């Protein structure tokens, strides 16, 4: 079995860092501040898309992104936390599956975060925003991650908290579990998968029971 994990809202909570960096950039460029709710509604999308949806003109979107990344690099490890039972989810999954991370966060910063939590060694691959031309919901992030594995005759699952994760999995023709510990609503997630779990640990427990019931 191969399990691909999203990060924000699935394994980690970096809401505080994300909000602080967004507000910082709007201050830097003297733009009207968006609400926290408006920012959180877009978490999971690439930064350039988020800024565009928050009213930043196309010609300066990448200036905002650069300012965000500078801020995020400084504070991310201090203001990002593992979700409850996320560590146990990863450790448990590593006993019966090969693991990867597929995120729209910058891959370099994501790897630093996971190293900081002492979890990066469990994962064979981490695909971030800079590794693909077309981010989620496109299939590319999933297919690029799967290129690192021998997926012959193996079930492949994506665990994520937003419709972007589930759509990307569907486009890549792999299975998906929506978790309710992040930014997507149950009503929305159930439109894209038949499998929902409270969190990553519950999702992994389901996959473990599935794997061993199929092997008997």
N, C-alpha and C. Protein backbone atom coordinates (compact mmCIF):
# COMPACT_ATOMS: atom_id res chain seq x y z
N UNK A 1 0.84 -1.20 0.00
CA UNK A 1 0.00 0.00 0.00
C UNK A 1 0.88 1.25 0.00
N UNK A 2 0.40 2.29 -0.68
CA UNK A 2 1.07 3.59 -0.70
C UNK A 2 0.09 4.62 -0.15
N UNK A 3 0.54 5.43 0.79
CA UNK A 3 -0.30 6.48 1.37
C UNK A 3 0.37 7.84 1.15
N UNK A 4 -0.35 8.75 0.53
CA UNK A 4 0.12 10.12 0.34
C UNK A 4 -0.65 11.03 1.28
N UNK A 5 0.05 11.86 2.01
CA UNK A 5 -0.57 12.77 2.97
C UNK A 5 -0.47 14.21 2.49
N UNK A 6 -1.55 14.96 2.66
CA UNK A 6 -1.49 16.42 2.61
C UNK A 6 -0.87 16.89 3.94
N UNK A 7 -0.52 18.18 4.02
CA UNK A 7 0.04 18.70 5.27
C UNK A 7 -0.95 19.58 6.03
N UNK A 8 -1.17 20.81 5.57
CA UNK A 8 -2.02 21.74 6.32
C UNK A 8 -3.43 21.19 6.50
N UNK A 9 -3.85 21.09 7.75
CA UNK A 9 -5.19 20.61 8.05
C UNK A 9 -5.31 19.11 8.08
N UNK A 10 -4.23 18.41 7.68
CA UNK A 10 -4.23 16.95 7.68
C UNK A 10 -3.25 16.41 8.72
N UNK A 11 -2.01 16.89 8.67
CA UNK A 11 -1.01 16.52 9.67
C UNK A 11 -0.59 17.69 10.54
N UNK A 12 -0.63 18.90 10.00
CA UNK A 12 -0.13 20.06 10.75
C UNK A 12 -1.17 21.18 10.79
N UNK A 13 -0.99 22.06 11.76
CA UNK A 13 -1.78 23.29 11.86
C UNK A 13 -0.81 24.47 11.82
N UNK A 14 -0.76 25.12 10.68
CA UNK A 14 0.10 26.30 10.55
C UNK A 14 -0.74 27.55 10.34
N UNK A 15 -1.99 27.50 10.82
CA UNK A 15 -2.91 28.63 10.62
C UNK A 15 -2.33 29.92 11.17
N UNK A 16 -1.76 29.86 12.36
CA UNK A 16 -1.21 31.08 12.98
C UNK A 16 -0.12 31.68 12.11
N UNK A 17 0.78 30.85 11.63
CA UNK A 17 1.88 31.34 10.78
C UNK A 17 1.35 31.89 9.46
N UNK A 18 0.40 31.19 8.87
CA UNK A 18 -0.17 31.63 7.59
C UNK A 18 -0.84 32.99 7.73
N UNK A 19 -1.69 33.12 8.74
CA UNK A 19 -2.40 34.39 8.95
C UNK A 19 -1.42 35.53 9.21
N UNK A 20 -0.43 35.29 10.06
CA UNK A 20 0.53 36.34 10.37
C UNK A 20 1.27 36.81 9.12
N UNK A 21 1.67 35.85 8.28
CA UNK A 21 2.42 36.22 7.07
C UNK A 21 1.55 36.93 6.04
N UNK A 22 0.31 36.51 5.93
CA UNK A 22 -0.59 37.22 5.02
C UNK A 22 -0.80 38.66 5.48
N UNK A 23 -1.09 38.84 6.76
CA UNK A 23 -1.31 40.20 7.26
C UNK A 23 -0.03 41.04 7.14
N UNK A 24 1.11 40.42 7.35
CA UNK A 24 2.38 41.12 7.18
C UNK A 24 2.53 41.66 5.76
N UNK A 25 2.23 40.82 4.77
CA UNK A 25 2.41 41.26 3.38
C UNK A 25 1.45 42.39 3.01
N UNK A 26 0.23 42.33 3.50
CA UNK A 26 -0.72 43.39 3.20
C UNK A 26 -0.29 44.71 3.85
N UNK A 27 0.37 44.61 5.01
CA UNK A 27 0.95 45.81 5.65
C UNK A 27 2.11 46.36 4.82
N UNK A 28 2.99 45.45 4.40
CA UNK A 28 4.18 45.85 3.64
C UNK A 28 3.79 46.63 2.39
N UNK A 29 2.77 46.17 1.70
CA UNK A 29 2.37 46.80 0.44
C UNK A 29 1.22 47.79 0.62
N UNK A 30 0.89 48.07 1.89
CA UNK A 30 -0.14 49.06 2.20
C UNK A 30 -1.45 48.77 1.48
N UNK A 31 -1.88 47.50 1.59
CA UNK A 31 -3.15 47.06 1.00
C UNK A 31 -4.18 46.88 2.10
N UNK A 32 -5.45 47.03 1.79
CA UNK A 32 -6.49 46.77 2.78
C UNK A 32 -6.41 45.33 3.28
N UNK A 33 -6.49 45.16 4.59
CA UNK A 33 -6.34 43.83 5.18
C UNK A 33 -7.57 42.96 4.94
N UNK A 34 -7.38 41.73 4.47
CA UNK A 34 -8.50 40.78 4.41
C UNK A 34 -8.79 40.24 5.80
N UNK A 35 -9.95 39.67 5.98
CA UNK A 35 -10.29 39.07 7.27
C UNK A 35 -9.59 37.72 7.42
N UNK A 36 -9.43 37.29 8.65
CA UNK A 36 -8.87 35.95 8.90
C UNK A 36 -9.73 34.89 8.20
N UNK A 37 -11.05 35.07 8.26
CA UNK A 37 -11.94 34.07 7.67
C UNK A 37 -11.73 33.98 6.16
N UNK A 38 -11.51 35.11 5.52
CA UNK A 38 -11.30 35.12 4.06
C UNK A 38 -10.01 34.39 3.70
N UNK A 39 -8.98 34.57 4.52
CA UNK A 39 -7.70 33.89 4.27
C UNK A 39 -7.85 32.39 4.51
N UNK A 40 -8.45 32.02 5.63
CA UNK A 40 -8.58 30.60 5.98
C UNK A 40 -9.41 29.84 4.96
N UNK A 41 -10.38 30.51 4.34
CA UNK A 41 -11.22 29.86 3.34
C UNK A 41 -10.43 29.43 2.11
N UNK A 42 -9.24 30.01 1.93
CA UNK A 42 -8.43 29.74 0.74
C UNK A 42 -7.23 28.84 1.03
N UNK A 43 -7.01 28.48 2.28
CA UNK A 43 -5.85 27.65 2.61
C UNK A 43 -5.95 26.31 1.89
N UNK A 44 -4.86 25.93 1.27
CA UNK A 44 -4.83 24.74 0.44
C UNK A 44 -4.57 25.08 -1.02
N UNK A 45 -4.93 26.31 -1.40
CA UNK A 45 -4.63 26.78 -2.75
C UNK A 45 -3.21 27.34 -2.80
N UNK A 46 -2.60 27.40 -3.98
CA UNK A 46 -1.28 28.03 -4.09
C UNK A 46 -1.34 29.50 -3.66
N UNK A 47 -0.22 30.01 -3.16
CA UNK A 47 -0.19 31.38 -2.65
C UNK A 47 -0.62 32.41 -3.69
N UNK A 48 -0.16 32.25 -4.92
CA UNK A 48 -0.52 33.25 -5.94
C UNK A 48 -2.03 33.28 -6.17
N UNK A 49 -2.66 32.11 -6.13
CA UNK A 49 -4.12 32.05 -6.29
C UNK A 49 -4.82 32.69 -5.09
N UNK A 50 -4.29 32.44 -3.90
CA UNK A 50 -4.89 33.03 -2.70
C UNK A 50 -4.84 34.54 -2.75
N UNK A 51 -3.67 35.09 -3.10
CA UNK A 51 -3.55 36.55 -3.18
C UNK A 51 -4.46 37.13 -4.25
N UNK A 52 -4.55 36.46 -5.38
CA UNK A 52 -5.43 36.94 -6.45
C UNK A 52 -6.88 36.98 -5.97
N UNK A 53 -7.29 35.94 -5.27
CA UNK A 53 -8.67 35.89 -4.77
C UNK A 53 -8.91 36.93 -3.67
N UNK A 54 -7.85 37.36 -3.02
CA UNK A 54 -7.97 38.39 -1.97
C UNK A 54 -7.83 39.80 -2.54
N UNK A 55 -7.78 39.92 -3.86
CA UNK A 55 -7.85 41.23 -4.50
C UNK A 55 -6.53 41.83 -4.94
N UNK A 56 -5.45 41.06 -4.90
CA UNK A 56 -4.15 41.58 -5.33
C UNK A 56 -4.04 41.46 -6.86
N UNK A 57 -3.62 42.55 -7.49
CA UNK A 57 -3.51 42.57 -8.95
C UNK A 57 -2.43 41.60 -9.44
N UNK A 58 -2.66 41.05 -10.61
CA UNK A 58 -1.79 40.01 -11.17
C UNK A 58 -0.34 40.46 -11.28
N UNK A 59 -0.13 41.72 -11.63
CA UNK A 59 1.24 42.18 -11.89
C UNK A 59 2.09 42.27 -10.62
N UNK A 60 1.45 42.24 -9.44
CA UNK A 60 2.25 42.31 -8.21
C UNK A 60 2.03 41.10 -7.29
N UNK A 61 1.27 40.13 -7.77
CA UNK A 61 1.02 38.94 -6.94
C UNK A 61 2.32 38.30 -6.48
N UNK A 62 3.29 38.17 -7.38
CA UNK A 62 4.52 37.45 -7.00
C UNK A 62 5.38 38.25 -6.04
N UNK A 63 5.21 39.58 -5.99
CA UNK A 63 5.88 40.37 -4.96
C UNK A 63 5.31 40.03 -3.58
N UNK A 64 3.99 39.86 -3.53
CA UNK A 64 3.35 39.45 -2.28
C UNK A 64 3.82 38.05 -1.87
N UNK A 65 3.89 37.15 -2.84
CA UNK A 65 4.33 35.78 -2.55
C UNK A 65 5.75 35.77 -1.98
N UNK A 66 6.63 36.56 -2.59
CA UNK A 66 8.02 36.61 -2.12
C UNK A 66 8.09 37.15 -0.70
N UNK A 67 7.30 38.18 -0.41
CA UNK A 67 7.27 38.76 0.94
C UNK A 67 6.72 37.75 1.94
N UNK A 68 5.69 37.01 1.53
CA UNK A 68 5.11 35.97 2.39
C UNK A 68 6.16 34.92 2.73
N UNK A 69 6.87 34.45 1.72
CA UNK A 69 7.84 33.38 1.95
C UNK A 69 8.97 33.83 2.87
N UNK A 70 9.38 35.08 2.74
CA UNK A 70 10.43 35.61 3.62
C UNK A 70 9.95 35.59 5.07
N UNK A 71 8.70 36.01 5.27
CA UNK A 71 8.12 36.00 6.61
C UNK A 71 7.95 34.58 7.13
N UNK A 72 7.41 33.71 6.27
CA UNK A 72 7.09 32.33 6.69
C UNK A 72 8.35 31.57 7.08
N UNK A 73 9.42 31.81 6.33
CA UNK A 73 10.69 31.12 6.61
C UNK A 73 11.16 31.42 8.03
N UNK A 74 10.88 32.62 8.51
CA UNK A 74 11.37 33.05 9.83
C UNK A 74 10.53 32.49 10.98
N UNK A 75 9.24 32.29 10.75
CA UNK A 75 8.36 31.97 11.88
C UNK A 75 7.72 30.59 11.82
N UNK A 76 7.88 29.89 10.71
CA UNK A 76 7.07 28.69 10.49
C UNK A 76 7.30 27.61 11.55
N UNK A 77 8.54 27.37 11.92
CA UNK A 77 8.79 26.27 12.87
C UNK A 77 8.29 26.61 14.27
N UNK A 78 8.26 27.91 14.59
CA UNK A 78 7.79 28.31 15.91
C UNK A 78 6.26 28.35 16.00
N UNK A 79 5.60 28.55 14.87
CA UNK A 79 4.15 28.77 14.89
C UNK A 79 3.39 27.73 14.08
N UNK A 80 3.97 26.54 13.94
CA UNK A 80 3.30 25.42 13.30
C UNK A 80 3.31 24.24 14.26
N UNK A 81 2.20 23.54 14.34
CA UNK A 81 2.04 22.47 15.32
C UNK A 81 1.50 21.22 14.64
N UNK A 82 1.87 20.07 15.17
CA UNK A 82 1.27 18.83 14.71
C UNK A 82 -0.16 18.75 15.22
N UNK A 83 -1.06 18.30 14.38
CA UNK A 83 -2.42 18.05 14.83
C UNK A 83 -2.43 16.85 15.79
N UNK A 84 -3.47 16.77 16.59
CA UNK A 84 -3.58 15.69 17.57
C UNK A 84 -3.51 14.33 16.87
N UNK A 85 -2.65 13.47 17.39
CA UNK A 85 -2.46 12.10 16.88
C UNK A 85 -1.85 12.03 15.48
N UNK A 86 -1.35 13.14 14.96
CA UNK A 86 -0.72 13.11 13.63
C UNK A 86 0.57 12.30 13.66
N UNK A 87 1.36 12.48 14.70
CA UNK A 87 2.61 11.72 14.81
C UNK A 87 2.30 10.22 14.85
N UNK A 88 1.33 9.86 15.65
CA UNK A 88 0.96 8.45 15.77
C UNK A 88 0.43 7.92 14.43
N UNK A 89 -0.27 8.77 13.69
CA UNK A 89 -0.80 8.36 12.38
C UNK A 89 0.33 8.01 11.43
N UNK A 90 1.34 8.87 11.39
CA UNK A 90 2.47 8.63 10.48
C UNK A 90 3.24 7.40 10.92
N UNK A 91 3.51 7.28 12.21
CA UNK A 91 4.26 6.13 12.70
C UNK A 91 3.52 4.83 12.43
N UNK A 92 2.23 4.83 12.66
CA UNK A 92 1.42 3.63 12.41
C UNK A 92 1.41 3.28 10.92
N UNK A 93 1.23 4.28 10.09
CA UNK A 93 1.17 4.06 8.64
C UNK A 93 2.49 3.48 8.11
N UNK A 94 3.59 3.90 8.70
CA UNK A 94 4.91 3.46 8.22
C UNK A 94 5.12 1.96 8.41
N UNK A 95 4.32 1.34 9.28
CA UNK A 95 4.47 -0.09 9.54
C UNK A 95 3.87 -0.96 8.43
N UNK A 96 2.96 -0.40 7.64
CA UNK A 96 2.30 -1.25 6.64
C UNK A 96 2.20 -0.60 5.25
N UNK A 97 2.78 0.60 5.09
CA UNK A 97 2.67 1.28 3.79
C UNK A 97 3.91 2.11 3.52
N UNK A 98 4.12 2.42 2.25
CA UNK A 98 5.13 3.40 1.85
C UNK A 98 4.46 4.77 1.85
N UNK A 99 5.18 5.79 2.31
CA UNK A 99 4.54 7.08 2.57
C UNK A 99 5.13 8.22 1.74
N UNK A 100 4.27 9.17 1.38
CA UNK A 100 4.71 10.38 0.71
C UNK A 100 3.88 11.57 1.18
N UNK A 101 4.37 12.76 0.88
CA UNK A 101 3.66 14.00 1.18
C UNK A 101 3.42 14.73 -0.13
N UNK A 102 2.20 15.22 -0.31
CA UNK A 102 1.85 16.03 -1.48
C UNK A 102 1.15 17.28 -0.98
N UNK A 103 1.77 18.44 -1.16
CA UNK A 103 1.26 19.68 -0.59
C UNK A 103 1.39 20.82 -1.58
N UNK A 104 0.59 21.86 -1.40
CA UNK A 104 0.77 23.08 -2.19
C UNK A 104 1.67 24.07 -1.46
N UNK A 105 2.12 23.73 -0.26
CA UNK A 105 3.12 24.55 0.41
C UNK A 105 4.45 24.43 -0.34
N UNK A 106 5.33 25.37 -0.11
CA UNK A 106 6.68 25.27 -0.66
C UNK A 106 7.35 24.03 -0.08
N UNK A 107 7.85 23.17 -0.96
CA UNK A 107 8.41 21.91 -0.53
C UNK A 107 9.60 22.07 0.40
N UNK A 108 10.47 23.03 0.10
CA UNK A 108 11.67 23.23 0.92
C UNK A 108 11.30 23.57 2.36
N UNK A 109 10.30 24.43 2.55
CA UNK A 109 9.89 24.80 3.90
C UNK A 109 9.14 23.65 4.57
N UNK A 110 8.39 22.90 3.77
CA UNK A 110 7.65 21.76 4.32
C UNK A 110 8.61 20.70 4.85
N UNK A 111 9.70 20.48 4.13
CA UNK A 111 10.68 19.50 4.58
C UNK A 111 11.32 19.94 5.89
N UNK A 112 11.61 21.23 6.01
CA UNK A 112 12.17 21.76 7.25
C UNK A 112 11.20 21.53 8.41
N UNK A 113 9.92 21.80 8.16
CA UNK A 113 8.91 21.58 9.21
C UNK A 113 8.87 20.13 9.65
N UNK A 114 8.86 19.22 8.69
CA UNK A 114 8.75 17.81 9.04
C UNK A 114 10.03 17.29 9.70
N UNK A 115 11.17 17.83 9.31
CA UNK A 115 12.42 17.51 10.02
C UNK A 115 12.34 18.01 11.45
N UNK A 116 11.79 19.21 11.62
CA UNK A 116 11.66 19.81 12.95
C UNK A 116 10.79 18.94 13.86
N UNK A 117 9.78 18.30 13.27
CA UNK A 117 8.91 17.42 14.05
C UNK A 117 9.48 16.00 14.18
N UNK A 118 10.60 15.73 13.53
CA UNK A 118 11.21 14.41 13.59
C UNK A 118 10.44 13.35 12.81
N UNK A 119 9.76 13.78 11.73
CA UNK A 119 8.93 12.85 10.97
C UNK A 119 9.38 12.66 9.53
N UNK A 120 10.28 13.48 9.04
CA UNK A 120 10.59 13.45 7.61
C UNK A 120 11.12 12.09 7.16
N UNK A 121 11.83 11.40 8.05
CA UNK A 121 12.45 10.13 7.64
C UNK A 121 11.43 9.03 7.34
N UNK A 122 10.19 9.24 7.73
CA UNK A 122 9.16 8.25 7.42
C UNK A 122 8.69 8.33 5.96
N UNK A 123 9.01 9.42 5.28
CA UNK A 123 8.47 9.68 3.95
C UNK A 123 9.52 9.48 2.87
N UNK A 124 9.12 8.80 1.81
CA UNK A 124 10.02 8.54 0.68
C UNK A 124 10.09 9.71 -0.29
N UNK A 125 9.08 10.56 -0.28
CA UNK A 125 9.04 11.69 -1.22
C UNK A 125 8.18 12.81 -0.63
N UNK A 126 8.53 14.05 -0.96
CA UNK A 126 7.72 15.21 -0.62
C UNK A 126 7.61 16.07 -1.87
N UNK A 127 6.39 16.21 -2.36
CA UNK A 127 6.13 17.05 -3.53
C UNK A 127 5.49 18.35 -3.06
N UNK A 128 6.16 19.47 -3.31
CA UNK A 128 5.65 20.79 -2.94
C UNK A 128 5.31 21.61 -4.17
N UNK A 129 4.94 22.86 -3.93
CA UNK A 129 4.48 23.72 -5.03
C UNK A 129 5.52 23.90 -6.11
N UNK A 130 6.80 23.99 -5.72
CA UNK A 130 7.84 24.28 -6.70
C UNK A 130 8.20 23.06 -7.55
N UNK A 131 7.66 21.92 -7.22
CA UNK A 131 8.01 20.70 -7.95
C UNK A 131 7.07 20.39 -9.11
N UNK A 132 6.00 21.17 -9.26
CA UNK A 132 5.02 20.89 -10.31
C UNK A 132 4.66 22.17 -11.07
N UNK A 133 4.23 21.97 -12.30
CA UNK A 133 3.69 23.08 -13.09
C UNK A 133 2.24 23.35 -12.70
N UNK A 134 1.51 22.26 -12.45
CA UNK A 134 0.07 22.35 -12.20
C UNK A 134 -0.25 21.76 -10.83
N UNK A 135 -0.53 22.61 -9.84
CA UNK A 135 -0.80 22.11 -8.49
C UNK A 135 -2.19 21.47 -8.37
N UNK A 136 -2.48 20.92 -7.20
CA UNK A 136 -3.83 20.42 -6.94
C UNK A 136 -4.85 21.51 -7.31
N UNK A 137 -5.96 21.16 -7.95
CA UNK A 137 -6.55 19.83 -8.09
C UNK A 137 -6.07 19.03 -9.31
N UNK A 138 -5.08 19.52 -10.02
CA UNK A 138 -4.53 18.75 -11.13
C UNK A 138 -3.95 17.43 -10.61
N UNK A 139 -3.86 16.45 -11.50
CA UNK A 139 -3.30 15.14 -11.12
C UNK A 139 -1.79 15.17 -10.96
N UNK A 140 -1.12 16.19 -11.51
CA UNK A 140 0.35 16.19 -11.58
C UNK A 140 1.04 15.95 -10.23
N UNK A 141 0.64 16.63 -9.14
CA UNK A 141 1.35 16.37 -7.87
C UNK A 141 1.29 14.91 -7.44
N UNK A 142 0.13 14.29 -7.65
CA UNK A 142 -0.02 12.88 -7.27
C UNK A 142 0.84 11.97 -8.15
N UNK A 143 0.77 12.18 -9.46
CA UNK A 143 1.52 11.31 -10.37
C UNK A 143 3.02 11.51 -10.20
N UNK A 144 3.43 12.74 -9.88
CA UNK A 144 4.85 12.99 -9.66
C UNK A 144 5.32 12.27 -8.39
N UNK A 145 4.50 12.28 -7.36
CA UNK A 145 4.85 11.55 -6.13
C UNK A 145 4.92 10.05 -6.39
N UNK A 146 3.95 9.54 -7.13
CA UNK A 146 3.89 8.10 -7.37
C UNK A 146 5.04 7.60 -8.24
N UNK A 147 5.67 8.50 -8.98
CA UNK A 147 6.82 8.11 -9.80
C UNK A 147 7.98 7.63 -8.93
N UNK A 148 7.94 7.96 -7.64
CA UNK A 148 9.01 7.55 -6.71
C UNK A 148 8.76 6.16 -6.12
N UNK A 149 7.64 5.55 -6.44
CA UNK A 149 7.29 4.26 -5.88
C UNK A 149 7.06 3.24 -6.99
N UNK A 150 7.15 1.98 -6.62
CA UNK A 150 6.65 0.91 -7.48
C UNK A 150 5.22 0.64 -7.03
N UNK A 151 4.26 1.14 -7.79
CA UNK A 151 2.86 1.03 -7.38
C UNK A 151 2.15 -0.17 -8.00
N UNK A 152 2.91 -1.04 -8.66
CA UNK A 152 2.32 -2.22 -9.30
C UNK A 152 1.58 -3.08 -8.27
N UNK A 153 0.32 -3.32 -8.55
CA UNK A 153 -0.52 -4.18 -7.69
C UNK A 153 -0.65 -3.66 -6.25
N UNK A 154 -0.47 -2.37 -6.07
CA UNK A 154 -0.63 -1.79 -4.73
C UNK A 154 -1.78 -0.80 -4.71
N UNK A 155 -2.53 -0.80 -3.61
CA UNK A 155 -3.54 0.24 -3.43
C UNK A 155 -2.84 1.55 -3.12
N UNK A 156 -3.34 2.63 -3.70
CA UNK A 156 -2.78 3.96 -3.44
C UNK A 156 -3.89 4.85 -2.88
N UNK A 157 -3.58 5.50 -1.77
CA UNK A 157 -4.55 6.36 -1.10
C UNK A 157 -3.96 7.74 -0.83
N UNK A 158 -4.81 8.75 -0.97
CA UNK A 158 -4.47 10.11 -0.57
C UNK A 158 -5.31 10.46 0.65
N UNK A 159 -4.69 11.04 1.67
CA UNK A 159 -5.40 11.53 2.85
C UNK A 159 -5.28 13.04 2.86
N UNK A 160 -6.42 13.73 2.78
CA UNK A 160 -6.39 15.19 2.74
C UNK A 160 -7.65 15.80 3.31
N UNK A 161 -7.59 17.11 3.57
CA UNK A 161 -8.70 17.77 4.26
C UNK A 161 -9.50 18.72 3.39
N UNK A 162 -9.14 18.89 2.13
CA UNK A 162 -9.88 19.81 1.27
C UNK A 162 -10.29 19.13 -0.03
N UNK A 163 -11.21 19.76 -0.72
CA UNK A 163 -11.65 19.21 -2.00
C UNK A 163 -10.51 19.19 -3.01
N UNK A 164 -9.52 20.07 -2.86
CA UNK A 164 -8.37 20.07 -3.77
C UNK A 164 -7.63 18.75 -3.69
N UNK A 165 -7.45 18.24 -2.48
CA UNK A 165 -6.77 16.95 -2.28
C UNK A 165 -7.56 15.82 -2.95
N UNK A 166 -8.87 15.83 -2.72
CA UNK A 166 -9.70 14.74 -3.21
C UNK A 166 -9.86 14.80 -4.72
N UNK A 167 -9.98 16.01 -5.26
CA UNK A 167 -10.08 16.16 -6.72
C UNK A 167 -8.77 15.73 -7.39
N UNK A 168 -7.65 16.11 -6.80
CA UNK A 168 -6.35 15.74 -7.36
C UNK A 168 -6.20 14.23 -7.40
N UNK A 169 -6.60 13.57 -6.30
CA UNK A 169 -6.54 12.12 -6.25
C UNK A 169 -7.43 11.50 -7.32
N UNK A 170 -8.64 12.03 -7.44
CA UNK A 170 -9.57 11.50 -8.44
C UNK A 170 -9.00 11.67 -9.85
N UNK A 171 -8.41 12.83 -10.11
CA UNK A 171 -7.83 13.08 -11.43
C UNK A 171 -6.66 12.16 -11.72
N UNK A 172 -5.97 11.74 -10.64
CA UNK A 172 -4.85 10.80 -10.80
C UNK A 172 -5.30 9.35 -10.72
N UNK A 173 -6.61 9.15 -10.55
CA UNK A 173 -7.21 7.81 -10.48
C UNK A 173 -6.67 6.99 -9.31
N UNK A 174 -6.56 7.68 -8.15
CA UNK A 174 -6.21 6.97 -6.93
C UNK A 174 -7.31 7.21 -5.89
N UNK A 175 -7.32 6.41 -4.83
CA UNK A 175 -8.33 6.50 -3.79
C UNK A 175 -8.05 7.69 -2.87
N UNK A 176 -9.09 8.15 -2.18
CA UNK A 176 -8.89 9.29 -1.27
C UNK A 176 -9.78 9.18 -0.04
N UNK A 177 -9.24 9.66 1.07
CA UNK A 177 -10.00 9.80 2.31
C UNK A 177 -9.98 11.27 2.71
N UNK A 178 -11.16 11.81 2.97
CA UNK A 178 -11.25 13.19 3.45
C UNK A 178 -11.25 13.20 4.97
N UNK A 179 -10.41 14.04 5.56
CA UNK A 179 -10.38 14.15 7.02
C UNK A 179 -11.03 15.46 7.45
N UNK A 180 -11.69 15.41 8.61
CA UNK A 180 -12.51 16.53 9.07
C UNK A 180 -11.82 17.42 10.09
N UNK A 181 -10.49 17.27 10.21
CA UNK A 181 -9.73 18.02 11.21
C UNK A 181 -9.13 19.30 10.62
N UNK A 182 -9.44 19.59 9.35
CA UNK A 182 -8.79 20.72 8.69
C UNK A 182 -9.75 21.78 8.21
N UNK A 183 -9.59 22.17 6.95
CA UNK A 183 -10.28 23.35 6.43
C UNK A 183 -11.51 23.05 5.59
N UNK A 184 -11.71 21.80 5.21
CA UNK A 184 -12.87 21.45 4.40
C UNK A 184 -14.04 21.01 5.25
N UNK A 185 -15.25 21.27 4.77
CA UNK A 185 -16.44 20.86 5.51
C UNK A 185 -16.83 19.44 5.13
N UNK A 186 -17.50 18.77 6.05
CA UNK A 186 -17.95 17.41 5.77
C UNK A 186 -18.86 17.39 4.55
N UNK A 187 -19.76 18.37 4.47
CA UNK A 187 -20.70 18.44 3.35
C UNK A 187 -19.96 18.54 2.02
N UNK A 188 -18.89 19.33 2.00
CA UNK A 188 -18.13 19.50 0.77
C UNK A 188 -17.31 18.26 0.44
N UNK A 189 -16.64 17.71 1.44
CA UNK A 189 -15.74 16.58 1.20
C UNK A 189 -16.49 15.35 0.72
N UNK A 190 -17.68 15.14 1.24
CA UNK A 190 -18.41 13.93 0.86
C UNK A 190 -18.91 13.97 -0.58
N UNK A 191 -18.75 15.12 -1.23
CA UNK A 191 -19.08 15.21 -2.65
C UNK A 191 -18.01 14.54 -3.51
N UNK A 192 -16.82 14.30 -2.93
CA UNK A 192 -15.69 13.83 -3.72
C UNK A 192 -15.13 12.48 -3.30
N UNK A 193 -15.63 11.94 -2.20
CA UNK A 193 -15.17 10.61 -1.77
C UNK A 193 -16.23 9.96 -0.90
N UNK A 194 -16.21 8.63 -0.90
CA UNK A 194 -17.11 7.88 -0.02
C UNK A 194 -16.47 7.62 1.34
N UNK A 195 -15.22 8.05 1.51
CA UNK A 195 -14.48 7.74 2.73
C UNK A 195 -14.14 9.02 3.49
N UNK A 196 -14.67 9.14 4.70
CA UNK A 196 -14.36 10.28 5.56
C UNK A 196 -13.88 9.76 6.91
N UNK A 197 -12.98 10.52 7.53
CA UNK A 197 -12.47 10.16 8.85
C UNK A 197 -12.32 11.44 9.67
N UNK A 198 -12.33 11.28 10.98
CA UNK A 198 -12.22 12.45 11.85
C UNK A 198 -10.86 13.12 11.70
N UNK A 199 -9.82 12.31 11.50
CA UNK A 199 -8.47 12.83 11.44
C UNK A 199 -7.57 11.81 10.74
N UNK A 200 -6.29 12.15 10.60
CA UNK A 200 -5.37 11.26 9.89
C UNK A 200 -5.19 9.93 10.61
N UNK A 201 -5.21 9.95 11.95
CA UNK A 201 -5.04 8.70 12.69
C UNK A 201 -6.18 7.73 12.42
N UNK A 202 -7.39 8.26 12.40
CA UNK A 202 -8.56 7.42 12.11
C UNK A 202 -8.50 6.91 10.67
N UNK A 203 -8.04 7.77 9.75
CA UNK A 203 -7.91 7.35 8.35
C UNK A 203 -6.89 6.22 8.22
N UNK A 204 -5.77 6.34 8.91
CA UNK A 204 -4.73 5.31 8.86
C UNK A 204 -5.24 4.01 9.47
N UNK A 205 -5.98 4.10 10.56
CA UNK A 205 -6.53 2.90 11.19
C UNK A 205 -7.46 2.16 10.21
N UNK A 206 -8.26 2.93 9.47
CA UNK A 206 -9.14 2.33 8.46
C UNK A 206 -8.31 1.62 7.39
N UNK A 207 -7.25 2.27 6.92
CA UNK A 207 -6.43 1.67 5.86
C UNK A 207 -5.67 0.44 6.36
N UNK A 208 -5.26 0.48 7.62
CA UNK A 208 -4.58 -0.69 8.19
C UNK A 208 -5.53 -1.88 8.23
N UNK A 209 -6.76 -1.66 8.70
CA UNK A 209 -7.72 -2.76 8.77
C UNK A 209 -8.06 -3.24 7.37
N UNK A 210 -8.13 -2.33 6.43
CA UNK A 210 -8.41 -2.70 5.04
C UNK A 210 -7.30 -3.55 4.46
N UNK A 211 -6.06 -3.14 4.70
CA UNK A 211 -4.93 -3.88 4.15
C UNK A 211 -4.89 -5.31 4.68
N UNK A 212 -5.06 -5.45 6.01
CA UNK A 212 -4.91 -6.78 6.60
C UNK A 212 -6.14 -7.65 6.38
N UNK A 213 -7.30 -7.05 6.20
CA UNK A 213 -8.49 -7.85 5.88
C UNK A 213 -8.39 -8.39 4.46
N UNK A 214 -7.77 -7.60 3.56
CA UNK A 214 -7.59 -8.05 2.16
C UNK A 214 -6.49 -9.11 2.04
N UNK A 215 -5.55 -9.10 2.98
CA UNK A 215 -4.42 -10.04 2.87
C UNK A 215 -4.74 -11.40 3.49
N UNK A 216 -5.87 -11.46 4.23
CA UNK A 216 -6.24 -12.73 4.86
C UNK A 216 -7.09 -13.59 3.92
